Amino acid sequence: MIVTLTLNPAVDISLTVDRLTPEHRLRCSQPCRDAGGGGINVSRAIQRLNGQSMALFTSGGTTGLTLQNLMETAGIPFQIIGIAEPIRESFSITETIAGQQFRLCTPGPTLSPGEAAACLASLETLSTPIDYLVVSGSLPLGLPTDFYAQIARIANTRQFRLILDTAGEPLRAALDEGVFMIKPNLGELAELAGVEKLETEHIGEIALELIHQNKCEVVVVSLGARGAMLVTADGQDYVQAPPVKQISTAYTGDSLVGGMVHALSKGQSYADMIRLGVACGTAATMTSTELFNAADVDPLVEWLNHQRQLQPA
């Protein structure tokens, strides 16, 4: 069983316009609304792979009701943590002439101490046996920096395998408690290492140090258009992203995580896990405002497996 947790969800609104021009009234397309936020996007990705998860998220205000309606329409099982303030909206505006995309993210609600406690209680009282808990996205206003560390303590007590996709001090604090997997990008890993810049050849060294310190078991470093690198105590595996025409970088990280946790839930190896994740992340770049098209994933996995066979033993 997979549970995703999104503490700062959003209603994602995407639209297109010929060109963004200051001080002009611009005619745009009919807006498209989707359920959004890191963990919710992971649940949506898992569903596109014919898997299942339960999405746990905060919800308040009319935007919260919209989010719940979107989840019901999508057919994704969910459970809400009620909050007083409305959840946020985020906006994606694509210029059709220039092919540029602008993404605007509002800060979202401020959670009260009581609402913060309710978020933790929702995890402590989950009755369904949980194999993987995916926590993804930013902390909402009002929560302390160590909030993900508090979640890590609950996960360790209840023997959930925690997959954490966040950055900065919240990530560092959670690692002090120990998690199963993290997915930093190169800049986020450099921040963990306390350096301004990290070269690709040093990824394994830094990631292994985290593993040997029992901060995590698996590190997957997202390298953008170059793919991703998997590091465990048993070795490293760099997976080059398939060459495709990239339209957008939206949802690539969440698609990567969704593919990986789906593979793990099916008992697949780490080698297969990272390749399905990279295939999903790459497929997401082939669309403008969606996670990915499921039909694009299998051919990309086949390409990655073929490349693996060509690698020297």
C-alpha atoms as a PDB file:
ATOM      1  CA  MET A   1       0.000   0.000   0.000  1.00  0.00           C
ATOM      2  CA  ILE A   2       1.237   3.460  -0.946  1.00  0.00           C
ATOM      3  CA  VAL A   3       0.147   6.631   0.850  1.00  0.00           C
ATOM      4  CA  THR A   4       1.132  10.064  -0.418  1.00  0.00           C
ATOM      5  CA  LEU A   5       1.073  13.110   1.843  1.00  0.00           C
ATOM      6  CA  THR A   6       0.725  16.664   0.499  1.00  0.00           C
ATOM      7  CA  LEU A   7       0.778  19.372   3.134  1.00  0.00           C
ATOM      8  CA  ASN A   8       0.597  22.287   0.685  1.00  0.00           C
ATOM      9  CA  PRO A   9      -1.634  21.092  -2.183  1.00  0.00           C
ATOM     10  CA  ALA A  10      -2.940  23.275  -4.976  1.00  0.00           C
ATOM     11  CA  VAL A  11      -5.478  23.552  -7.709  1.00  0.00           C
ATOM     12  CA  ASP A  12      -3.291  23.824 -10.809  1.00  0.00           C
ATOM     13  CA  ILE A  13      -4.742  26.145 -13.441  1.00  0.00           C
ATOM     14  CA  SER A  14      -3.191  26.035 -16.919  1.00  0.00           C
ATOM     15  CA  LEU A  15      -4.004  28.150 -19.947  1.00  0.00           C
ATOM     16  CA  THR A  16      -2.465  29.349 -23.191  1.00  0.00           C
ATOM     17  CA  VAL A  17      -2.084  32.773 -24.754  1.00  0.00           C
ATOM     18  CA  ASP A  18      -0.532  33.868 -28.048  1.00  0.00           C
ATOM     19  CA  ARG A  19       1.943  36.176 -26.366  1.00  0.00           C
ATOM     20  CA  LEU A  20       2.288  37.840 -22.960  1.00  0.00           C
ATOM     21  CA  THR A  21       2.257  41.568 -23.662  1.00  0.00           C
ATOM     22  CA  PRO A  22       2.292  44.204 -20.897  1.00  0.00           C
ATOM     23  CA  GLU A  23      -0.677  46.579 -20.559  1.00  0.00           C
ATOM     24  CA  HIS A  24      -2.825  44.731 -23.094  1.00  0.00           C
ATOM     25  CA  ARG A  25      -6.000  42.760 -22.606  1.00  0.00           C
ATOM     26  CA  LEU A  26      -5.000  39.250 -23.621  1.00  0.00           C
ATOM     27  CA  ARG A  27      -7.351  36.587 -24.968  1.00  0.00           C
ATOM     28  CA  CYS A  28      -6.470  33.224 -23.478  1.00  0.00           C
ATOM     29  CA  SER A  29      -7.742  29.667 -23.731  1.00  0.00           C
ATOM     30  CA  GLN A  30     -10.343  28.135 -21.462  1.00  0.00           C
ATOM     31  CA  PRO A  31      -8.485  27.337 -18.225  1.00  0.00           C
ATOM     32  CA  CYS A  32      -7.839  23.697 -17.361  1.00  0.00           C
ATOM     33  CA  ARG A  33      -7.889  22.717 -13.673  1.00  0.00           C
ATOM     34  CA  ASP A  34      -6.015  19.773 -12.179  1.00  0.00           C
ATOM     35  CA  ALA A  35      -5.343  18.500  -8.680  1.00  0.00           C
ATOM     36  CA  GLY A  36      -1.796  19.508  -7.776  1.00  0.00           C
ATOM     37  CA  GLY A  37       0.926  19.447  -5.153  1.00  0.00           C
ATOM     38  CA  GLY A  38       3.855  17.048  -4.871  1.00  0.00           C
ATOM     39  CA  GLY A  39       2.242  14.021  -3.228  1.00  0.00           C
ATOM     40  CA  ILE A  40      -0.999  14.378  -5.169  1.00  0.00           C
ATOM     41  CA  ASN A  41       0.966  14.449  -8.425  1.00  0.00           C
ATOM     42  CA  VAL A  42       2.746  11.260  -7.349  1.00  0.00           C
ATOM     43  CA  SER A  43      -0.634   9.593  -6.743  1.00  0.00           C
ATOM     44  CA  ARG A  44      -1.811  10.743 -10.163  1.00  0.00           C
ATOM     45  CA  ALA A  45       1.344   9.325 -11.760  1.00  0.00           C
ATOM     46  CA  ILE A  46       0.849   5.975 -10.022  1.00  0.00           C
ATOM     47  CA  GLN A  47      -2.722   5.840 -11.298  1.00  0.00           C
ATOM     48  CA  ARG A  48      -1.527   6.426 -14.882  1.00  0.00           C
ATOM     49  CA  LEU A  49       0.675   3.360 -14.475  1.00  0.00           C
ATOM     50  CA  ASN A  50      -2.409   1.338 -13.418  1.00  0.00           C
ATOM     51  CA  GLY A  51      -1.287   1.358  -9.799  1.00  0.00           C
ATOM     52  CA  GLN A  52      -3.134   2.546  -6.729  1.00  0.00           C
ATOM     53  CA  SER A  53      -2.360   4.778  -3.794  1.00  0.00           C
ATOM     54  CA  MET A  54      -4.210   6.772  -1.177  1.00  0.00           C
ATOM     55  CA  ALA A  55      -3.651  10.520  -1.221  1.00  0.00           C
ATOM     56  CA  LEU A  56      -3.665  12.334   2.115  1.00  0.00           C
ATOM     57  CA  PHE A  57      -3.748  16.129   1.926  1.00  0.00           C
ATOM     58  CA  THR A  58      -4.841  19.319   3.662  1.00  0.00           C
ATOM     59  CA  SER A  59      -8.002  20.952   2.370  1.00  0.00           C
ATOM     60  CA  GLY A  60      -9.764  24.201   3.167  1.00  0.00           C
ATOM     61  CA  GLY A  61     -11.947  26.839   1.543  1.00  0.00           C
ATOM     62  CA  THR A  62     -13.621  26.770  -1.845  1.00  0.00           C
ATOM     63  CA  THR A  63     -10.336  25.794  -3.514  1.00  0.00           C
ATOM     64  CA  GLY A  64     -10.194  22.800  -1.182  1.00  0.00           C
ATOM     65  CA  LEU A  65     -13.654  21.732  -2.324  1.00  0.00           C
ATOM     66  CA  THR A  66     -12.528  22.111  -5.940  1.00  0.00           C
ATOM     67  CA  LEU A  67      -9.508  19.936  -5.225  1.00  0.00           C
ATOM     68  CA  GLN A  68     -11.664  17.249  -3.634  1.00  0.00           C
ATOM     69  CA  ASN A  69     -14.004  17.277  -6.643  1.00  0.00           C
ATOM     70  CA  LEU A  70     -11.027  16.903  -8.989  1.00  0.00           C
ATOM     71  CA  MET A  71      -9.747  13.926  -6.986  1.00  0.00           C
ATOM     72  CA  GLU A  72     -13.179  12.302  -6.974  1.00  0.00           C
ATOM     73  CA  THR A  73     -13.451  12.768 -10.734  1.00  0.00           C
ATOM     74  CA  ALA A  74      -9.986  11.261 -11.192  1.00  0.00           C
ATOM     75  CA  GLY A  75     -11.000   8.247  -9.102  1.00  0.00           C
ATOM     76  CA  ILE A  76      -8.029   8.475  -6.737  1.00  0.00           C
ATOM     77  CA  PRO A  77      -8.764   7.385  -3.146  1.00  0.00           C
ATOM     78  CA  PHE A  78      -8.079  10.226  -0.734  1.00  0.00           C
ATOM     79  CA  GLN A  79      -8.433  11.409   2.829  1.00  0.00           C
ATOM     80  CA  ILE A  80      -8.447  15.078   3.821  1.00  0.00           C
ATOM     81  CA  ILE A  81      -7.042  16.962   6.794  1.00  0.00           C
ATOM     82  CA  GLY A  82      -9.392  19.901   7.256  1.00  0.00           C
ATOM     83  CA  ILE A  83      -7.851  23.365   7.691  1.00  0.00           C
ATOM     84  CA  ALA A  84      -9.404  26.804   8.122  1.00  0.00           C
ATOM     85  CA  GLU A  85      -7.729  28.765   5.334  1.00  0.00           C
ATOM     86  CA  PRO A  86      -8.239  28.029   1.623  1.00  0.00           C
ATOM     87  CA  ILE A  87      -5.556  26.032  -0.119  1.00  0.00           C
ATOM     88  CA  ARG A  88      -3.583  27.702  -2.885  1.00  0.00           C
ATOM     89  CA  GLU A  89      -3.916  27.947  -6.632  1.00  0.00           C
ATOM     90  CA  SER A  90      -0.973  27.748  -9.003  1.00  0.00           C
ATOM     91  CA  PHE A  91      -0.905  28.970 -12.584  1.00  0.00           C
ATOM     92  CA  SER A  92       0.810  27.765 -15.754  1.00  0.00           C
ATOM     93  CA  ILE A  93       0.691  30.124 -18.734  1.00  0.00           C
ATOM     94  CA  THR A  94       2.045  28.941 -22.073  1.00  0.00           C
ATOM     95  CA  GLU A  95       2.836  31.365 -24.906  1.00  0.00           C
ATOM     96  CA  THR A  96       1.850  29.544 -28.086  1.00  0.00           C
ATOM     97  CA  ILE A  97       3.929  31.749 -30.419  1.00  0.00           C
ATOM     98  CA  ALA A  98       7.229  31.628 -28.521  1.00  0.00           C
ATOM     99  CA  GLY A  99       6.634  28.239 -26.885  1.00  0.00           C
ATOM    100  CA  GLN A 100       7.587  29.633 -23.486  1.00  0.00           C
ATOM    101  CA  GLN A 101       5.931  28.594 -20.243  1.00  0.00           C
ATOM    102  CA  PHE A 102       5.484  30.714 -17.111  1.00  0.00           C
ATOM    103  CA  ARG A 103       4.640  29.073 -13.787  1.00  0.00           C
ATOM    104  CA  LEU A 104       3.266  31.103 -10.882  1.00  0.00           C
ATOM    105  CA  CYS A 105       3.050  29.521  -7.423  1.00  0.00           C
ATOM    106  CA  THR A 106       1.210  31.244  -4.587  1.00  0.00           C
ATOM    107  CA  PRO A 107       2.361  30.608  -0.994  1.00  0.00           C
ATOM    108  CA  GLY A 108      -0.801  28.956   0.283  1.00  0.00           C
ATOM    109  CA  PRO A 109      -2.398  28.888   3.736  1.00  0.00           C
ATOM    110  CA  THR A 110      -0.833  29.263   7.156  1.00  0.00           C
ATOM    111  CA  LEU A 111      -1.466  26.227   9.348  1.00  0.00           C
ATOM    112  CA  SER A 112      -2.249  26.637  13.040  1.00  0.00           C
ATOM    113  CA  PRO A 113      -0.562  24.516  15.745  1.00  0.00           C
ATOM    114  CA  GLY A 114      -3.764  22.504  16.033  1.00  0.00           C
ATOM    115  CA  GLU A 115      -3.813  21.847  12.293  1.00  0.00           C
ATOM    116  CA  ALA A 116      -0.154  20.831  12.403  1.00  0.00           C
ATOM    117  CA  ALA A 117      -0.995  18.330  15.139  1.00  0.00           C
ATOM    118  CA  ALA A 118      -3.880  17.019  13.034  1.00  0.00           C
ATOM    119  CA  CYS A 119      -1.482  16.350  10.139  1.00  0.00           C
ATOM    120  CA  LEU A 120       0.714  14.204  12.386  1.00  0.00           C
ATOM    121  CA  ALA A 121      -2.276  12.483  13.956  1.00  0.00           C
ATOM    122  CA  SER A 122      -3.584  11.543  10.517  1.00  0.00           C
ATOM    123  CA  LEU A 123      -0.424   9.478   9.984  1.00  0.00           C
ATOM    124  CA  GLU A 124      -0.411   7.962  13.454  1.00  0.00           C
ATOM    125  CA  THR A 125      -3.990   6.765  13.094  1.00  0.00           C
ATOM    126  CA  LEU A 126      -3.807   5.276   9.579  1.00  0.00           C
ATOM    127  CA  SER A 127      -5.304   1.803   9.973  1.00  0.00           C
ATOM    128  CA  THR A 128      -4.287   0.392   6.593  1.00  0.00           C
ATOM    129  CA  PRO A 129      -0.883  -1.356   6.521  1.00  0.00           C
ATOM    130  CA  ILE A 130       1.458   1.045   4.717  1.00  0.00           C
ATOM    131  CA  ASP A 131       4.500  -0.119   2.736  1.00  0.00           C
ATOM    132  CA  TYR A 132       5.545   3.259   1.329  1.00  0.00           C
ATOM    133  CA  LEU A 133       4.798   6.768   2.529  1.00  0.00           C
ATOM    134  CA  VAL A 134       5.643   9.421  -0.065  1.00  0.00           C
ATOM    135  CA  VAL A 135       5.966  12.945   1.309  1.00  0.00           C
ATOM    136  CA  SER A 136       6.568  15.514  -1.388  1.00  0.00           C
ATOM    137  CA  GLY A 137       6.487  19.269  -1.711  1.00  0.00           C
ATOM    138  CA  SER A 138       7.079  22.386   0.308  1.00  0.00           C
ATOM    139  CA  LEU A 139       6.069  22.977   3.915  1.00  0.00           C
ATOM    140  CA  PRO A 140       3.125  25.354   4.263  1.00  0.00           C
ATOM    141  CA  LEU A 141       3.481  28.501   6.328  1.00  0.00           C
ATOM    142  CA  GLY A 142       3.129  27.955  10.061  1.00  0.00           C
ATOM    143  CA  LEU A 143       4.908  24.602  10.228  1.00  0.00           C
ATOM    144  CA  PRO A 144       8.343  24.342  11.869  1.00  0.00           C
ATOM    145  CA  THR A 145      11.444  23.422   9.910  1.00  0.00           C
ATOM    146  CA  ASP A 146      11.626  20.032  11.641  1.00  0.00           C
ATOM    147  CA  PHE A 147       8.080  19.015  10.660  1.00  0.00           C
ATOM    148  CA  TYR A 148       9.263  16.445   8.141  1.00  0.00           C
ATOM    149  CA  ALA A 149      11.610  15.130  10.841  1.00  0.00           C
ATOM    150  CA  GLN A 150       8.557  14.589  13.040  1.00  0.00           C
ATOM    151  CA  ILE A 151       6.945  12.694  10.181  1.00  0.00           C
ATOM    152  CA  ALA A 152      10.127  10.615   9.784  1.00  0.00           C
ATOM    153  CA  ARG A 153       9.920   9.610  13.457  1.00  0.00           C
ATOM    154  CA  ILE A 154       6.336   8.431  12.963  1.00  0.00           C
ATOM    155  CA  ALA A 155       7.320   6.531   9.810  1.00  0.00           C
ATOM    156  CA  ASN A 156      10.187   4.803  11.594  1.00  0.00           C
ATOM    157  CA  THR A 157       7.996   3.890  14.567  1.00  0.00           C
ATOM    158  CA  ARG A 158       5.273   2.477  12.334  1.00  0.00           C
ATOM    159  CA  GLN A 159       7.781   0.918   9.903  1.00  0.00           C
ATOM    160  CA  PHE A 160       6.657   2.902   6.864  1.00  0.00           C
ATOM    161  CA  ARG A 161       9.308   3.255   4.167  1.00  0.00           C
ATOM    162  CA  LEU A 162       9.465   7.035   3.860  1.00  0.00           C
ATOM    163  CA  ILE A 163      10.273   8.513   0.441  1.00  0.00           C
ATOM    164  CA  LEU A 164      10.920  12.216   0.917  1.00  0.00           C
ATOM    165  CA  ASP A 165      11.099  14.752  -1.901  1.00  0.00           C
ATOM    166  CA  THR A 166      11.874  18.167  -0.450  1.00  0.00           C
ATOM    167  CA  ALA A 167      14.894  20.408   0.044  1.00  0.00           C
ATOM    168  CA  GLY A 168      16.824  22.656   2.414  1.00  0.00           C
ATOM    169  CA  GLU A 169      16.613  22.542   6.190  1.00  0.00           C
ATOM    170  CA  PRO A 170      13.405  20.454   6.272  1.00  0.00           C
ATOM    171  CA  LEU A 171      15.251  17.743   4.319  1.00  0.00           C
ATOM    172  CA  ARG A 172      18.365  17.990   6.472  1.00  0.00           C
ATOM    173  CA  ALA A 173      16.338  17.687   9.691  1.00  0.00           C
ATOM    174  CA  ALA A 174      14.433  14.653   8.377  1.00  0.00           C
ATOM    175  CA  LEU A 175      17.684  12.936   7.397  1.00  0.00           C
ATOM    176  CA  ASP A 176      18.838  13.204  11.010  1.00  0.00           C
ATOM    177  CA  GLU A 177      15.912  10.929  11.883  1.00  0.00           C
ATOM    178  CA  GLY A 178      16.583   8.558   8.985  1.00  0.00           C
ATOM    179  CA  VAL A 179      14.428   7.980   5.887  1.00  0.00           C
ATOM    180  CA  PHE A 180      14.260   5.288   3.226  1.00  0.00           C
ATOM    181  CA  MET A 181      14.782   7.324   0.040  1.00  0.00           C
ATOM    182  CA  ILE A 182      15.435  10.903  -1.019  1.00  0.00           C
ATOM    183  CA  LYS A 183      15.362  12.511  -4.485  1.00  0.00           C
ATOM    184  CA  PRO A 184      17.436  15.684  -4.498  1.00  0.00           C
ATOM    185  CA  ASN A 185      18.590  17.448  -7.620  1.00  0.00           C
ATOM    186  CA  LEU A 186      22.255  18.341  -8.021  1.00  0.00           C
ATOM    187  CA  GLY A 187      21.861  21.739  -6.324  1.00  0.00           C
ATOM    188  CA  GLU A 188      19.940  20.273  -3.386  1.00  0.00           C
ATOM    189  CA  LEU A 189      22.564  17.565  -2.886  1.00  0.00           C
ATOM    190  CA  ALA A 190      25.280  20.236  -2.952  1.00  0.00           C
ATOM    191  CA  GLU A 191      23.394  22.125  -0.247  1.00  0.00           C
ATOM    192  CA  LEU A 192      23.297  18.981   1.891  1.00  0.00           C
ATOM    193  CA  ALA A 193      27.051  18.616   1.390  1.00  0.00           C
ATOM    194  CA  GLY A 194      27.630  22.248   2.386  1.00  0.00           C
ATOM    195  CA  VAL A 195      29.179  23.268  -0.934  1.00  0.00           C
ATOM    196  CA  GLU A 196      28.118  25.843  -3.510  1.00  0.00           C
ATOM    197  CA  LYS A 197      28.493  23.577  -6.515  1.00  0.00           C
ATOM    198  CA  LEU A 198      28.742  19.830  -6.960  1.00  0.00           C
ATOM    199  CA  GLU A 199      30.185  18.137 -10.027  1.00  0.00           C
ATOM    200  CA  THR A 200      28.507  15.009 -11.341  1.00  0.00           C
ATOM    201  CA  GLU A 201      31.531  12.815 -10.591  1.00  0.00           C
ATOM    202  CA  HIS A 202      31.185  13.589  -6.854  1.00  0.00           C
ATOM    203  CA  ILE A 203      27.531  12.513  -6.568  1.00  0.00           C
ATOM    204  CA  GLY A 204      28.357   8.963  -5.506  1.00  0.00           C
ATOM    205  CA  GLU A 205      30.772  10.085  -2.813  1.00  0.00           C
ATOM    206  CA  ILE A 206      28.325  12.513  -1.196  1.00  0.00           C
ATOM    207  CA  ALA A 207      25.355  10.144  -1.471  1.00  0.00           C
ATOM    208  CA  LEU A 208      27.310   7.236   0.002  1.00  0.00           C
ATOM    209  CA  GLU A 209      28.310   9.379   2.945  1.00  0.00           C
ATOM    210  CA  LEU A 210      24.616   9.964   3.698  1.00  0.00           C
ATOM    211  CA  ILE A 211      23.937   6.243   3.402  1.00  0.00           C
ATOM    212  CA  HIS A 212      26.874   5.230   5.612  1.00  0.00           C
ATOM    213  CA  GLN A 213      25.674   7.727   8.239  1.00  0.00           C
ATOM    214  CA  ASN A 214      22.310   5.869   8.250  1.00  0.00           C
ATOM    215  CA  LYS A 215      20.475   8.983   7.099  1.00  0.00           C
ATOM    216  CA  CYS A 216      18.875   7.109   4.201  1.00  0.00           C
ATOM    217  CA  GLU A 217      19.102   3.841   2.280  1.00  0.00           C
ATOM    218  CA  VAL A 218      18.610   5.059  -1.273  1.00  0.00           C
ATOM    219  CA  VAL A 219      19.564   8.324  -2.983  1.00  0.00           C
ATOM    220  CA  VAL A 220      18.235   9.180  -6.444  1.00  0.00           C
ATOM    221  CA  VAL A 221      19.724  12.387  -7.821  1.00  0.00           C
ATOM    222  CA  SER A 222      17.692  14.058 -10.545  1.00  0.00           C
ATOM    223  CA  LEU A 223      19.904  15.464 -13.303  1.00  0.00           C
ATOM    224  CA  GLY A 224      17.210  17.094 -15.413  1.00  0.00           C
ATOM    225  CA  ALA A 225      17.551  16.411 -19.131  1.00  0.00           C
ATOM    226  CA  ARG A 226      20.588  14.194 -18.426  1.00  0.00           C
ATOM    227  CA  GLY A 227      18.541  11.628 -16.495  1.00  0.00           C
ATOM    228  CA  ALA A 228      19.187  10.487 -12.924  1.00  0.00           C
ATOM    229  CA  MET A 229      21.701   8.650 -10.777  1.00  0.00           C
ATOM    230  CA  LEU A 230      20.831   5.921  -8.286  1.00  0.00           C
ATOM    231  CA  VAL A 231      23.130   5.366  -5.316  1.00  0.00           C
ATOM    232  CA  THR A 232      22.799   2.597  -2.720  1.00  0.00           C
ATOM    233  CA  ALA A 233      25.271   0.862  -0.441  1.00  0.00           C
ATOM    234  CA  ASP A 234      25.687  -1.752  -3.192  1.00  0.00           C
ATOM    235  CA  GLY A 235      26.700   0.606  -5.976  1.00  0.00           C
ATOM    236  CA  GLN A 236      25.734   3.338  -8.424  1.00  0.00           C
ATOM    237  CA  ASP A 237      23.664   3.367 -11.596  1.00  0.00           C
ATOM    238  CA  TYR A 238      23.578   6.365 -13.933  1.00  0.00           C
ATOM    239  CA  VAL A 239      20.573   6.326 -16.271  1.00  0.00           C
ATOM    240  CA  GLN A 240      20.704   8.672 -19.243  1.00  0.00           C
ATOM    241  CA  ALA A 241      17.360  10.168 -20.233  1.00  0.00           C
ATOM    242  CA  PRO A 242      16.100   9.086 -23.666  1.00  0.00           C
ATOM    243  CA  PRO A 243      16.434  11.748 -26.380  1.00  0.00           C
ATOM    244  CA  VAL A 244      12.991  13.298 -26.921  1.00  0.00           C
ATOM    245  CA  LYS A 245      11.571  16.633 -27.986  1.00  0.00           C
ATOM    246  CA  GLN A 246      11.141  18.497 -24.715  1.00  0.00           C
ATOM    247  CA  ILE A 247       8.074  20.722 -24.455  1.00  0.00           C
ATOM    248  CA  SER A 248       7.936  21.446 -20.721  1.00  0.00           C
ATOM    249  CA  THR A 249       9.720  20.593 -17.474  1.00  0.00           C
ATOM    250  CA  ALA A 250       6.541  20.726 -15.381  1.00  0.00           C
ATOM    251  CA  TYR A 251       5.784  17.631 -13.284  1.00  0.00           C
ATOM    252  CA  THR A 252       9.028  15.844 -14.219  1.00  0.00           C
ATOM    253  CA  GLY A 253      10.186  15.330 -10.630  1.00  0.00           C
ATOM    254  CA  ASP A 254       6.817  14.081  -9.396  1.00  0.00           C
ATOM    255  CA  SER A 255       6.550  11.772 -12.416  1.00  0.00           C
ATOM    256  CA  LEU A 256      10.014  10.396 -11.629  1.00  0.00           C
ATOM    257  CA  VAL A 257       9.013   9.676  -8.030  1.00  0.00           C
ATOM    258  CA  GLY A 258       5.667   8.197  -9.073  1.00  0.00           C
ATOM    259  CA  GLY A 259       7.332   5.784 -11.469  1.00  0.00           C
ATOM    260  CA  MET A 260       9.898   4.712  -8.878  1.00  0.00           C
ATOM    261  CA  VAL A 261       7.482   4.053  -6.025  1.00  0.00           C
ATOM    262  CA  HIS A 262       5.155   2.182  -8.379  1.00  0.00           C
ATOM    263  CA  ALA A 263       8.043  -0.075  -9.404  1.00  0.00           C
ATOM    264  CA  LEU A 264       8.984  -0.666  -5.766  1.00  0.00           C
ATOM    265  CA  SER A 265       5.396  -1.555  -4.882  1.00  0.00           C
ATOM    266  CA  LYS A 266       5.535  -4.227  -7.595  1.00  0.00           C
ATOM    267  CA  GLY A 267       8.682  -5.749  -6.095  1.00  0.00           C
ATOM    268  CA  GLN A 268      10.960  -4.613  -8.914  1.00  0.00           C
ATOM    269  CA  SER A 269      14.707  -4.152  -8.510  1.00  0.00           C
ATOM    270  CA  TYR A 270      16.356  -0.788  -7.958  1.00  0.00           C
ATOM    271  CA  ALA A 271      17.709  -0.989 -11.524  1.00  0.00           C
ATOM    272  CA  ASP A 272      14.193  -1.371 -12.912  1.00  0.00           C
ATOM    273  CA  MET A 273      12.892   1.241 -10.462  1.00  0.00           C
ATOM    274  CA  ILE A 274      15.229   3.993 -11.659  1.00  0.00           C
ATOM    275  CA  ARG A 275      14.504   3.222 -15.319  1.00  0.00           C
ATOM    276  CA  LEU A 276      10.751   3.371 -14.923  1.00  0.00           C
ATOM    277  CA  GLY A 277      11.179   6.621 -12.993  1.00  0.00           C
ATOM    278  CA  VAL A 278      13.375   8.188 -15.674  1.00  0.00           C
ATOM    279  CA  ALA A 279      10.952   7.006 -18.369  1.00  0.00           C
ATOM    280  CA  CYS A 280       8.029   8.685 -16.570  1.00  0.00           C
ATOM    281  CA  GLY A 281      10.025  11.867 -15.956  1.00  0.00           C
ATOM    282  CA  THR A 282      11.085  11.985 -19.612  1.00  0.00           C
ATOM    283  CA  ALA A 283       7.521  11.339 -20.778  1.00  0.00           C
ATOM    284  CA  ALA A 284       6.411  14.320 -18.690  1.00  0.00           C
ATOM    285  CA  THR A 285       8.713  16.607 -20.696  1.00  0.00           C
ATOM    286  CA  MET A 286       6.866  15.566 -23.859  1.00  0.00           C
ATOM    287  CA  THR A 287       3.618  17.244 -22.733  1.00  0.00           C
ATOM    288  CA  SER A 288       2.877  20.890 -22.003  1.00  0.00           C
ATOM    289  CA  THR A 289       0.715  20.860 -18.873  1.00  0.00           C
ATOM    290  CA  GLU A 290       0.222  17.201 -17.905  1.00  0.00           C
ATOM    291  CA  LEU A 291       2.125  14.635 -15.881  1.00  0.00           C
ATOM    292  CA  PHE A 292       2.744  12.273 -18.782  1.00  0.00           C
ATOM    293  CA  ASN A 293       0.872  10.155 -21.297  1.00  0.00           C
ATOM    294  CA  ALA A 294       0.933   6.520 -20.204  1.00  0.00           C
ATOM    295  CA  ALA A 295       1.369   5.374 -23.821  1.00  0.00           C
ATOM    296  CA  ASP A 296       4.743   7.152 -23.977  1.00  0.00           C
ATOM    297  CA  VAL A 297       6.235   5.299 -21.012  1.00  0.00           C
ATOM    298  CA  ASP A 298       6.683   1.725 -22.315  1.00  0.00           C
ATOM    299  CA  PRO A 299       8.694   2.713 -25.435  1.00  0.00           C
ATOM    300  CA  LEU A 300      10.972   4.836 -23.247  1.00  0.00           C
ATOM    301  CA  VAL A 301      11.489   1.937 -20.819  1.00  0.00           C
ATOM    302  CA  GLU A 302      12.355  -0.310 -23.771  1.00  0.00           C
ATOM    303  CA  TRP A 303      14.936   2.233 -24.968  1.00  0.00           C
ATOM    304  CA  LEU A 304      16.478   2.428 -21.493  1.00  0.00           C
ATOM    305  CA  ASN A 305      16.621  -1.355 -21.153  1.00  0.00           C
ATOM    306  CA  HIS A 306      18.280  -1.599 -24.569  1.00  0.00           C
ATOM    307  CA  GLN A 307      20.873   0.940 -23.459  1.00  0.00           C
ATOM    308  CA  ARG A 308      21.476  -1.126 -20.314  1.00  0.00           C
ATOM    309  CA  GLN A 309      22.173  -4.212 -22.433  1.00  0.00           C
ATOM    310  CA  LEU A 310      24.761  -2.251 -24.421  1.00  0.00           C
ATOM    311  CA  GLN A 311      26.688  -1.282 -21.279  1.00  0.00           C
ATOM    312  CA  PRO A 312      29.884  -3.250 -20.638  1.00  0.00           C
ATOM    313  CA  ALA A 313      29.597  -5.866 -17.909  1.00  0.00           C
END
